[in-house]
């Protein structure tokens, strides 16, 4: 599993097929054993999370609504 919209495979985490428990467990163990990769994933995850800060999300929605209103009303 994993969210491909949020996780970049091998950069900020690992993705695996839904329901593949063995693959998920293997990747989790790999992360726990590889401290440098774990640190890198944490740093990348933090940077990726900035895309979802409330101010940015609100601004994006406002722009979307303005554009939709303009296109609808002409």
PDB file of N, CA and C in Angstrom:
ATOM      1  N   UNK A   1       0.809  -1.183   0.000  1.00  0.00           N
ATOM      2  CA  UNK A   1       0.000   0.000   0.000  1.00  0.00           C
ATOM      3  C   UNK A   1       0.856   1.251   0.000  1.00  0.00           C
ATOM      4  N   UNK A   2       0.248   2.319   0.359  1.00  0.00           N
ATOM      5  CA  UNK A   2       0.894   3.621   0.369  1.00  0.00           C
ATOM      6  C   UNK A   2       0.141   4.566  -0.540  1.00  0.00           C
ATOM      7  N   UNK A   3       0.399   5.817  -0.391  1.00  0.00           N
ATOM      8  CA  UNK A   3      -0.265   6.831  -1.203  1.00  0.00           C
ATOM      9  C   UNK A   3       0.714   7.380  -2.232  1.00  0.00           C
ATOM     10  N   UNK A   4       0.611   6.950  -3.490  1.00  0.00           N
ATOM     11  CA  UNK A   4       1.555   7.429  -4.494  1.00  0.00           C
ATOM     12  C   UNK A   4       1.472   8.940  -4.716  1.00  0.00           C
ATOM     13  N   UNK A   5       0.356   9.560  -4.302  1.00  0.00           N
ATOM     14  CA  UNK A   5       0.235  11.013  -4.419  1.00  0.00           C
ATOM     15  C   UNK A   5       1.110  11.717  -3.387  1.00  0.00           C
ATOM     16  N   UNK A   6       1.463  11.002  -2.329  1.00  0.00           N
ATOM     17  CA  UNK A   6       2.207  11.587  -1.224  1.00  0.00           C
ATOM     18  C   UNK A   6       3.625  11.027  -1.138  1.00  0.00           C
ATOM     19  N   UNK A   7       3.769   9.745  -1.391  1.00  0.00           N
ATOM     20  CA  UNK A   7       5.062   9.074  -1.245  1.00  0.00           C
ATOM     21  C   UNK A   7       5.715   8.890  -2.603  1.00  0.00           C
ATOM     22  N   UNK A   8       6.959   9.349  -2.706  1.00  0.00           N
ATOM     23  CA  UNK A   8       7.749   9.095  -3.906  1.00  0.00           C
ATOM     24  C   UNK A   8       8.587   7.852  -3.612  1.00  0.00           C
ATOM     25  N   UNK A   9       8.272   6.776  -4.312  1.00  0.00           N
ATOM     26  CA  UNK A   9       8.876   5.478  -4.021  1.00  0.00           C
ATOM     27  C   UNK A   9      10.397   5.536  -4.043  1.00  0.00           C
ATOM     28  N   UNK A  10      10.994   5.134  -2.923  1.00  0.00           N
ATOM     29  CA  UNK A  10      12.440   5.115  -2.802  1.00  0.00           C
ATOM     30  C   UNK A  10      13.053   6.444  -2.411  1.00  0.00           C
ATOM     31  N   UNK A  11      12.247   7.510  -2.375  1.00  0.00           N
ATOM     32  CA  UNK A  11      12.747   8.841  -2.033  1.00  0.00           C
ATOM     33  C   UNK A  11      12.213   9.277  -0.670  1.00  0.00           C
ATOM     34  N   UNK A  12      10.898   9.223  -0.502  1.00  0.00           N
ATOM     35  CA  UNK A  12      10.310   9.618   0.777  1.00  0.00           C
ATOM     36  C   UNK A  12       9.630   8.442   1.470  1.00  0.00           C
ATOM     37  N   UNK A  13       9.804   7.278   0.923  1.00  0.00           N
ATOM     38  CA  UNK A  13       9.212   6.070   1.482  1.00  0.00           C
ATOM     39  C   UNK A  13       9.208   4.983   0.432  1.00  0.00           C
ATOM     40  N   UNK A  14       8.510   3.912   0.734  1.00  0.00           N
ATOM     41  CA  UNK A  14       8.375   2.818  -0.220  1.00  0.00           C
ATOM     42  C   UNK A  14       6.901   2.589  -0.501  1.00  0.00           C
ATOM     43  N   UNK A  15       6.598   2.236  -1.720  1.00  0.00           N
ATOM     44  CA  UNK A  15       5.262   1.802  -2.094  1.00  0.00           C
ATOM     45  C   UNK A  15       5.323   0.302  -2.330  1.00  0.00           C
ATOM     46  N   UNK A  16       4.226  -0.369  -2.060  1.00  0.00           N
ATOM     47  CA  UNK A  16       4.155  -1.800  -2.343  1.00  0.00           C
ATOM     48  C   UNK A  16       2.722  -2.129  -2.747  1.00  0.00           C
ATOM     49  N   UNK A  17       2.542  -3.246  -3.416  1.00  0.00           N
ATOM     50  CA  UNK A  17       1.194  -3.621  -3.844  1.00  0.00           C
ATOM     51  C   UNK A  17       0.248  -3.763  -2.648  1.00  0.00           C
ATOM     52  N   UNK A  18      -0.987  -3.322  -2.833  1.00  0.00           N
ATOM     53  CA  UNK A  18      -1.990  -3.432  -1.777  1.00  0.00           C
ATOM     54  C   UNK A  18      -2.159  -4.902  -1.410  1.00  0.00           C
ATOM     55  N   UNK A  19      -2.115  -5.168  -0.129  1.00  0.00           N
ATOM     56  CA  UNK A  19      -2.317  -6.521   0.370  1.00  0.00           C
ATOM     57  C   UNK A  19      -1.067  -7.380   0.429  1.00  0.00           C
ATOM     58  N   UNK A  20       0.053  -6.867  -0.065  1.00  0.00           N
ATOM     59  CA  UNK A  20       1.296  -7.645  -0.054  1.00  0.00           C
ATOM     60  C   UNK A  20       1.997  -7.432   1.285  1.00  0.00           C
ATOM     61  N   UNK A  21       1.566  -8.186   2.269  1.00  0.00           N
ATOM     62  CA  UNK A  21       2.059  -8.040   3.637  1.00  0.00           C
ATOM     63  C   UNK A  21       3.553  -8.342   3.723  1.00  0.00           C
ATOM     64  N   UNK A  22       4.013  -9.358   3.004  1.00  0.00           N
ATOM     65  CA  UNK A  22       5.433  -9.722   3.054  1.00  0.00           C
ATOM     66  C   UNK A  22       6.303  -8.591   2.523  1.00  0.00           C
ATOM     67  N   UNK A  23       5.901  -7.983   1.412  1.00  0.00           N
ATOM     68  CA  UNK A  23       6.675  -6.875   0.842  1.00  0.00           C
ATOM     69  C   UNK A  23       6.673  -5.687   1.795  1.00  0.00           C
ATOM     70  N   UNK A  24       5.506  -5.395   2.367  1.00  0.00           N
ATOM     71  CA  UNK A  24       5.405  -4.272   3.297  1.00  0.00           C
ATOM     72  C   UNK A  24       6.291  -4.498   4.522  1.00  0.00           C
ATOM     73  N   UNK A  25       6.251  -5.703   5.069  1.00  0.00           N
ATOM     74  CA  UNK A  25       7.072  -6.021   6.244  1.00  0.00           C
ATOM     75  C   UNK A  25       8.553  -5.945   5.903  1.00  0.00           C
ATOM     76  N   UNK A  26       8.917  -6.465   4.746  1.00  0.00           N
ATOM     77  CA  UNK A  26      10.318  -6.438   4.317  1.00  0.00           C
ATOM     78  C   UNK A  26      10.826  -5.007   4.188  1.00  0.00           C
ATOM     79  N   UNK A  27      10.008  -4.146   3.592  1.00  0.00           N
ATOM     80  CA  UNK A  27      10.418  -2.752   3.414  1.00  0.00           C
ATOM     81  C   UNK A  27      10.474  -2.017   4.748  1.00  0.00           C
ATOM     82  N   UNK A  28       9.546  -2.326   5.644  1.00  0.00           N
ATOM     83  CA  UNK A  28       9.567  -1.698   6.969  1.00  0.00           C
ATOM     84  C   UNK A  28      10.836  -2.094   7.723  1.00  0.00           C
ATOM     85  N   UNK A  29      11.193  -3.361   7.664  1.00  0.00           N
ATOM     86  CA  UNK A  29      12.418  -3.824   8.325  1.00  0.00           C
ATOM     87  C   UNK A  29      13.639  -3.156   7.703  1.00  0.00           C
ATOM     88  N   UNK A  30      13.640  -3.042   6.376  1.00  0.00           N
ATOM     89  CA  UNK A  30      14.760  -2.395   5.681  1.00  0.00           C
ATOM     90  C   UNK A  30      14.939  -0.952   6.166  1.00  0.00           C
ATOM     91  N   UNK A  31      13.837  -0.237   6.299  1.00  0.00           N
ATOM     92  CA  UNK A  31      13.905   1.154   6.768  1.00  0.00           C
ATOM     93  C   UNK A  31      14.443   1.209   8.198  1.00  0.00           C
ATOM     94  N   UNK A  32      13.965   0.315   9.044  1.00  0.00           N
ATOM     95  CA  UNK A  32      14.405   0.309  10.441  1.00  0.00           C
ATOM     96  C   UNK A  32      15.878  -0.045  10.581  1.00  0.00           C
ATOM     97  N   UNK A  33      16.385  -0.869   9.691  1.00  0.00           N
ATOM     98  CA  UNK A  33      17.785  -1.287   9.770  1.00  0.00           C
ATOM     99  C   UNK A  33      18.742  -0.315   9.089  1.00  0.00           C
ATOM    100  N   UNK A  34      18.259   0.443   8.139  1.00  0.00           N
ATOM    101  CA  UNK A  34      19.109   1.374   7.380  1.00  0.00           C
ATOM    102  C   UNK A  34      18.877   2.789   7.910  1.00  0.00           C
ATOM    103  N   UNK A  35      19.682   3.188   8.881  1.00  0.00           N
ATOM    104  CA  UNK A  35      19.472   4.466   9.565  1.00  0.00           C
ATOM    105  C   UNK A  35      19.614   5.667   8.630  1.00  0.00           C
ATOM    106  N   UNK A  36      20.514   5.605   7.680  1.00  0.00           N
ATOM    107  CA  UNK A  36      20.681   6.717   6.735  1.00  0.00           C
ATOM    108  C   UNK A  36      19.450   6.862   5.846  1.00  0.00           C
ATOM    109  N   UNK A  37      18.941   5.743   5.352  1.00  0.00           N
ATOM    110  CA  UNK A  37      17.729   5.795   4.515  1.00  0.00           C
ATOM    111  C   UNK A  37      16.557   6.301   5.340  1.00  0.00           C
ATOM    112  N   UNK A  38      16.453   5.821   6.579  1.00  0.00           N
ATOM    113  CA  UNK A  38      15.379   6.263   7.468  1.00  0.00           C
ATOM    114  C   UNK A  38      15.444   7.778   7.656  1.00  0.00           C
ATOM    115  N   UNK A  39      16.638   8.280   7.904  1.00  0.00           N
ATOM    116  CA  UNK A  39      16.825   9.725   8.075  1.00  0.00           C
ATOM    117  C   UNK A  39      16.439  10.463   6.795  1.00  0.00           C
ATOM    118  N   UNK A  40      16.860   9.948   5.653  1.00  0.00           N
ATOM    119  CA  UNK A  40      16.519  10.576   4.374  1.00  0.00           C
ATOM    120  C   UNK A  40      15.025  10.589   4.119  1.00  0.00           C
ATOM    121  N   UNK A  41      14.356   9.480   4.428  1.00  0.00           N
ATOM    122  CA  UNK A  41      12.905   9.414   4.256  1.00  0.00           C
ATOM    123  C   UNK A  41      12.213  10.441   5.147  1.00  0.00           C
ATOM    124  N   UNK A  42      12.679  10.570   6.382  1.00  0.00           N
ATOM    125  CA  UNK A  42      12.069  11.546   7.295  1.00  0.00           C
ATOM    126  C   UNK A  42      12.221  12.962   6.756  1.00  0.00           C
ATOM    127  N   UNK A  43      13.419  13.278   6.259  1.00  0.00           N
ATOM    128  CA  UNK A  43      13.658  14.625   5.728  1.00  0.00           C
ATOM    129  C   UNK A  43      12.796  14.881   4.497  1.00  0.00           C
ATOM    130  N   UNK A  44      12.720  13.913   3.602  1.00  0.00           N
ATOM    131  CA  UNK A  44      11.903  14.073   2.397  1.00  0.00           C
ATOM    132  C   UNK A  44      10.422  14.178   2.745  1.00  0.00           C
ATOM    133  N   UNK A  45       9.980  13.375   3.699  1.00  0.00           N
ATOM    134  CA  UNK A  45       8.578  13.420   4.113  1.00  0.00           C
ATOM    135  C   UNK A  45       8.230  14.790   4.683  1.00  0.00           C
ATOM    136  N   UNK A  46       9.141  15.349   5.464  1.00  0.00           N
ATOM    137  CA  UNK A  46       8.908  16.683   6.027  1.00  0.00           C
ATOM    138  C   UNK A  46       8.791  17.717   4.910  1.00  0.00           C
ATOM    139  N   UNK A  47       9.697  17.661   3.943  1.00  0.00           N
ATOM    140  CA  UNK A  47       9.648  18.609   2.824  1.00  0.00           C
ATOM    141  C   UNK A  47       8.365  18.427   2.020  1.00  0.00           C
ATOM    142  N   UNK A  48       7.981  17.188   1.775  1.00  0.00           N
ATOM    143  CA  UNK A  48       6.754  16.915   1.023  1.00  0.00           C
ATOM    144  C   UNK A  48       5.522  17.410   1.764  1.00  0.00           C
ATOM    145  N   UNK A  49       5.554  17.346   3.095  1.00  0.00           N
ATOM    146  CA  UNK A  49       4.393  17.757   3.884  1.00  0.00           C
ATOM    147  C   UNK A  49       4.099  19.243   3.731  1.00  0.00           C
ATOM    148  N   UNK A  50       5.089  20.022   3.342  1.00  0.00           N
ATOM    149  CA  UNK A  50       4.893  21.465   3.193  1.00  0.00           C
ATOM    150  C   UNK A  50       3.885  21.787   2.095  1.00  0.00           C
ATOM    151  N   UNK A  51       3.706  20.864   1.136  1.00  0.00           N
ATOM    152  CA  UNK A  51       2.710  21.073   0.080  1.00  0.00           C
ATOM    153  C   UNK A  51       1.302  21.101   0.653  1.00  0.00           C
ATOM    154  N   UNK A  52       1.124  20.535   1.841  1.00  0.00           N
ATOM    155  CA  UNK A  52      -0.196  20.390   2.431  1.00  0.00           C
ATOM    156  C   UNK A  52      -0.426  21.335   3.605  1.00  0.00           C
ATOM    157  N   UNK A  53       0.427  22.370   3.738  1.00  0.00           N
ATOM    158  CA  UNK A  53       0.210  23.358   4.791  1.00  0.00           C
ATOM    159  C   UNK A  53      -1.116  24.061   4.538  1.00  0.00           C
ATOM    160  N   UNK A  54      -1.815  24.380   5.625  1.00  0.00           N
ATOM    161  CA  UNK A  54      -3.155  24.929   5.517  1.00  0.00           C
ATOM    162  C   UNK A  54      -3.219  26.162   4.617  1.00  0.00           C
ATOM    163  N   UNK A  55      -2.265  27.061   4.758  1.00  0.00           N
ATOM    164  CA  UNK A  55      -2.289  28.288   3.967  1.00  0.00           C
ATOM    165  C   UNK A  55      -2.207  27.981   2.469  1.00  0.00           C
ATOM    166  N   UNK A  56      -1.369  27.023   2.096  1.00  0.00           N
ATOM    167  CA  UNK A  56      -1.225  26.668   0.684  1.00  0.00           C
ATOM    168  C   UNK A  56      -2.478  25.981   0.159  1.00  0.00           C
ATOM    169  N   UNK A  57      -3.036  25.087   0.962  1.00  0.00           N
ATOM    170  CA  UNK A  57      -4.236  24.376   0.534  1.00  0.00           C
ATOM    171  C   UNK A  57      -5.392  25.357   0.360  1.00  0.00           C
ATOM    172  N   UNK A  58      -5.561  26.258   1.324  1.00  0.00           N
ATOM    173  CA  UNK A  58      -6.633  27.253   1.239  1.00  0.00           C
ATOM    174  C   UNK A  58      -6.433  28.136   0.019  1.00  0.00           C
ATOM    175  N   UNK A  59      -5.221  28.586  -0.206  1.00  0.00           N
ATOM    176  CA  UNK A  59      -4.926  29.420  -1.368  1.00  0.00           C
ATOM    177  C   UNK A  59      -5.245  28.681  -2.667  1.00  0.00           C
ATOM    178  N   UNK A  60      -4.895  27.418  -2.733  1.00  0.00           N
ATOM    179  CA  UNK A  60      -5.183  26.629  -3.936  1.00  0.00           C
ATOM    180  C   UNK A  60      -6.683  26.490  -4.161  1.00  0.00           C
ATOM    181  N   UNK A  61      -7.439  26.238  -3.084  1.00  0.00           N
ATOM    182  CA  UNK A  61      -8.890  26.133  -3.213  1.00  0.00           C
ATOM    183  C   UNK A  61      -9.506  27.468  -3.626  1.00  0.00           C
ATOM    184  N   UNK A  62      -9.036  28.563  -3.039  1.00  0.00           N
ATOM    185  CA  UNK A  62      -9.553  29.876  -3.416  1.00  0.00           C
ATOM    186  C   UNK A  62      -9.327  30.140  -4.897  1.00  0.00           C
ATOM    187  N   UNK A  63      -8.148  29.836  -5.388  1.00  0.00           N
ATOM    188  CA  UNK A  63      -7.850  30.029  -6.811  1.00  0.00           C
ATOM    189  C   UNK A  63      -8.750  29.155  -7.672  1.00  0.00           C
ATOM    190  N   UNK A  64      -8.942  27.930  -7.255  1.00  0.00           N
ATOM    191  CA  UNK A  64      -9.796  27.013  -8.004  1.00  0.00           C
ATOM    192  C   UNK A  64     -11.230  27.528  -8.060  1.00  0.00           C
ATOM    193  N   UNK A  65     -11.758  27.997  -6.918  1.00  0.00           N
ATOM    194  CA  UNK A  65     -13.123  28.514  -6.880  1.00  0.00           C
ATOM    195  C   UNK A  65     -13.264  29.790  -7.709  1.00  0.00           C
ATOM    196  N   UNK A  66     -12.260  30.676  -7.636  1.00  0.00           N
ATOM    197  CA  UNK A  66     -12.306  31.896  -8.449  1.00  0.00           C
ATOM    198  C   UNK A  66     -12.339  31.551  -9.936  1.00  0.00           C
ATOM    199  N   UNK A  67     -11.490  30.626 -10.327  1.00  0.00           N
ATOM    200  CA  UNK A  67     -11.434  30.226 -11.730  1.00  0.00           C
ATOM    201  C   UNK A  67     -12.751  29.576 -12.164  1.00  0.00           C
ATOM    202  N   UNK A  68     -13.311  28.725 -11.315  1.00  0.00           N
ATOM    203  CA  UNK A  68     -14.579  28.073 -11.645  1.00  0.00           C
ATOM    204  C   UNK A  68     -15.696  29.105 -11.759  1.00  0.00           C
ATOM    205  N   UNK A  69     -15.726  30.062 -10.841  1.00  0.00           N
ATOM    206  CA  UNK A  69     -16.747  31.112 -10.871  1.00  0.00           C
ATOM    207  C   UNK A  69     -16.606  31.942 -12.134  1.00  0.00           C
ATOM    208  N   UNK A  70     -15.377  32.330 -12.468  1.00  0.00           N
ATOM    209  CA  UNK A  70     -15.134  33.138 -13.664  1.00  0.00           C
ATOM    210  C   UNK A  70     -15.548  32.372 -14.923  1.00  0.00           C
ATOM    211  N   UNK A  71     -15.220  31.108 -14.992  1.00  0.00           N
ATOM    212  CA  UNK A  71     -15.582  30.306 -16.165  1.00  0.00           C
ATOM    213  C   UNK A  71     -17.083  30.086 -16.254  1.00  0.00           C
ATOM    214  N   UNK A  72     -17.748  29.964 -15.108  1.00  0.00           N
ATOM    215  CA  UNK A  72     -19.184  29.732 -15.090  1.00  0.00           C
ATOM    216  C   UNK A  72     -19.954  31.000 -15.445  1.00  0.00           C
ATOM    217  N   UNK A  73     -19.531  32.127 -14.865  1.00  0.00           N
ATOM    218  CA  UNK A  73     -20.249  33.383 -15.084  1.00  0.00           C
ATOM    219  C   UNK A  73     -19.798  34.101 -16.349  1.00  0.00           C
ATOM    220  N   UNK A  74     -18.663  33.714 -16.838  1.00  0.00           N
ATOM    221  CA  UNK A  74     -18.173  34.320 -18.074  1.00  0.00           C
ATOM    222  C   UNK A  74     -17.325  35.472 -17.866  1.00  0.00           C
TER     223      UNK A  74
END
